C-alpha atoms as a PDB file:
ATOM      1  CA  MET A   1     194.722 118.596 -42.694  1.00  0.00           C
ATOM      2  CA  GLY A   2     194.196 116.654 -39.524  1.00  0.00           C
ATOM      3  CA  TYR A   3     197.546 114.878 -39.337  1.00  0.00           C
ATOM      4  CA  SER A   4     199.466 114.981 -36.095  1.00  0.00           C
ATOM      5  CA  ALA A   5     203.016 116.268 -35.854  1.00  0.00           C
ATOM      6  CA  GLY A   6     204.157 112.685 -35.262  1.00  0.00           C
ATOM      7  CA  SER A   7     202.544 111.501 -38.496  1.00  0.00           C
ATOM      8  CA  ILE A   8     204.220 114.288 -40.448  1.00  0.00           C
ATOM      9  CA  ARG A   9     207.578 113.545 -38.822  1.00  0.00           C
ATOM     10  CA  LYS A  10     207.242 109.836 -39.599  1.00  0.00           C
ATOM     11  CA  THR A  11     206.463 110.660 -43.225  1.00  0.00           C
ATOM     12  CA  CYS A  12     209.468 112.988 -43.517  1.00  0.00           C
ATOM     13  CA  GLU A  13     211.777 110.371 -42.042  1.00  0.00           C
ATOM     14  CA  PHE A  14     210.400 107.786 -44.470  1.00  0.00           C
ATOM     15  CA  VAL A  15     210.853 110.019 -47.538  1.00  0.00           C
ATOM     16  CA  LEU A  16     214.127 111.724 -46.605  1.00  0.00           C
ATOM     17  CA  THR A  17     216.426 108.734 -46.458  1.00  0.00           C
ATOM     18  CA  PRO A  18     220.201 109.370 -46.534  1.00  0.00           C
ATOM     19  CA  PHE A  19     220.259 108.298 -50.195  1.00  0.00           C
ATOM     20  CA  ARG A  20     217.389 110.667 -51.080  1.00  0.00           C
ATOM     21  CA  ARG A  21     219.077 113.547 -49.240  1.00  0.00           C
ATOM     22  CA  SER A  22     222.248 112.972 -51.248  1.00  0.00           C
ATOM     23  CA  LYS A  23     220.268 113.324 -54.488  1.00  0.00           C
ATOM     24  CA  LEU A  24     218.408 116.551 -53.606  1.00  0.00           C
ATOM     25  CA  GLU A  25     220.508 118.690 -55.968  1.00  0.00           C
ATOM     26  CA  GLN A  26     219.858 116.413 -58.952  1.00  0.00           C
ATOM     27  CA  ARG A  27     216.196 115.793 -58.120  1.00  0.00           C
ATOM     28  CA  PRO A  28     214.431 118.340 -55.861  1.00  0.00           C
ATOM     29  CA  LEU A  29     211.656 117.218 -53.546  1.00  0.00           C
ATOM     30  CA  LYS A  30     208.086 117.210 -54.823  1.00  0.00           C
ATOM     31  CA  LEU A  31     204.861 117.193 -52.875  1.00  0.00           C
ATOM     32  CA  THR A  32     203.801 113.948 -54.537  1.00  0.00           C
ATOM     33  CA  GLU A  33     206.636 112.107 -52.766  1.00  0.00           C
ATOM     34  CA  PHE A  34     204.963 112.798 -49.409  1.00  0.00           C
ATOM     35  CA  ILE A  35     201.330 112.076 -50.301  1.00  0.00           C
ATOM     36  CA  GLY A  36     201.621 108.280 -50.448  1.00  0.00           C
ATOM     37  CA  PRO A  37     203.446 107.779 -47.150  1.00  0.00           C
ATOM     38  CA  LEU A  38     201.276 110.378 -45.402  1.00  0.00           C
ATOM     39  CA  SER A  39     198.120 108.630 -46.533  1.00  0.00           C
ATOM     40  CA  GLN A  40     199.312 105.519 -44.671  1.00  0.00           C
ATOM     41  CA  CYS A  41     199.472 107.450 -41.371  1.00  0.00           C
ATOM     42  CA  ALA A  42     196.567 107.895 -39.006  1.00  0.00           C
ATOM     43  CA  ASN A  43     194.770 111.215 -39.137  1.00  0.00           C
ATOM     44  CA  THR A  44     192.357 112.773 -36.682  1.00  0.00           C
ATOM     45  CA  MET A  45     188.625 112.928 -37.195  1.00  0.00           C
ATOM     46  CA  GLU A  46     187.018 116.306 -37.840  1.00  0.00           C
ATOM     47  CA  ASP A  47     185.608 116.652 -34.307  1.00  0.00           C
ATOM     48  CA  GLN A  48     188.935 115.678 -32.728  1.00  0.00           C
ATOM     49  CA  TYR A  49     190.744 118.128 -34.996  1.00  0.00           C
ATOM     50  CA  ASN A  50     188.381 120.925 -33.934  1.00  0.00           C
ATOM     51  CA  ASP A  51     188.937 120.039 -30.259  1.00  0.00           C
ATOM     52  CA  PHE A  52     192.729 120.160 -30.739  1.00  0.00           C
ATOM     53  CA  LYS A  53     192.439 123.438 -32.610  1.00  0.00           C
ATOM     54  CA  THR A  54     190.289 124.990 -29.858  1.00  0.00           C
ATOM     55  CA  PHE A  55     192.711 123.789 -27.170  1.00  0.00           C
ATOM     56  CA  THR A  56     195.678 125.199 -29.095  1.00  0.00           C
ATOM     57  CA  ASP A  57     193.881 128.520 -29.586  1.00  0.00           C
ATOM     58  CA  ILE A  58     193.210 128.796 -25.851  1.00  0.00           C
ATOM     59  CA  THR A  59     196.711 127.867 -24.722  1.00  0.00           C
ATOM     60  CA  THR A  60     198.644 129.948 -27.263  1.00  0.00           C
ATOM     61  CA  GLY A  61     196.298 132.882 -27.865  1.00  0.00           C
ATOM     62  CA  ASP A  62     196.384 132.266 -31.624  1.00  0.00           C
ATOM     63  CA  LYS A  63     192.665 132.944 -32.039  1.00  0.00           C
ATOM     64  CA  ALA A  64     192.963 136.453 -30.622  1.00  0.00           C
ATOM     65  CA  ARG A  65     195.898 137.185 -32.945  1.00  0.00           C
ATOM     66  CA  ARG A  66     194.049 135.813 -35.991  1.00  0.00           C
ATOM     67  CA  ASP A  67     190.963 137.849 -35.108  1.00  0.00           C
ATOM     68  CA  ALA A  68     193.031 141.027 -34.698  1.00  0.00           C
ATOM     69  CA  ILE A  69     194.735 140.482 -38.041  1.00  0.00           C
ATOM     70  CA  ALA A  70     191.432 139.744 -39.777  1.00  0.00           C
ATOM     71  CA  LYS A  71     189.898 142.882 -38.274  1.00  0.00           C
ATOM     72  CA  ALA A  72     192.851 144.999 -39.378  1.00  0.00           C
ATOM     73  CA  LEU A  73     192.694 143.605 -42.915  1.00  0.00           C
ATOM     74  CA  SER A  74     188.929 143.844 -43.283  1.00  0.00           C
ATOM     75  CA  PRO A  75     187.490 146.735 -45.329  1.00  0.00           C
ATOM     76  CA  GLU A  76     185.433 147.873 -42.307  1.00  0.00           C
ATOM     77  CA  GLY A  77     188.487 147.853 -40.057  1.00  0.00           C
ATOM     78  CA  ASP A  78     190.289 151.104 -39.421  1.00  0.00           C
ATOM     79  CA  GLY A  79     193.677 149.406 -39.757  1.00  0.00           C
ATOM     80  CA  ASP A  80     194.308 149.497 -36.004  1.00  0.00           C
ATOM     81  CA  ALA A  81     195.157 145.908 -35.065  1.00  0.00           C
ATOM     82  CA  LYS A  82     194.682 146.446 -31.319  1.00  0.00           C
ATOM     83  CA  GLY A  83     191.231 147.980 -31.662  1.00  0.00           C
ATOM     84  CA  LYS A  84     192.095 151.218 -29.872  1.00  0.00           C
ATOM     85  CA  LYS A  85     189.650 154.043 -30.235  1.00  0.00           C
ATOM     86  CA  LYS A  86     190.899 157.229 -31.796  1.00  0.00           C
ATOM     87  CA  LYS A  87     190.836 160.232 -29.515  1.00  0.00           C
ATOM     88  CA  LYS A  88     189.085 163.386 -30.637  1.00  0.00           C
ATOM     89  CA  LYS A  89     190.898 166.671 -30.325  1.00  0.00           C
ATOM     90  CA  LYS A  90     189.454 169.129 -27.854  1.00  0.00           C
ATOM     91  CA  LYS A  91     188.986 172.683 -28.997  1.00  0.00           C
END
């Protein structure tokens, strides 16, 4: 966590050489192949990561969607993701 998209792209380009791509059927990719090269890339500090996350939440509206999903999945939630109140029938 905390790696930029550029760091992840650089790691993928480093690991997925043309030779390695040609051998994918004989030897599938493993997570351990990416850990070493990724550890050599710069990562963001915790406070910078939180700032980026907050900015992304504001610009994309992801926080509102996550909150709505969490509310719908919570035991207290009524299952209504948009938070609409149920109307009572009039007699």
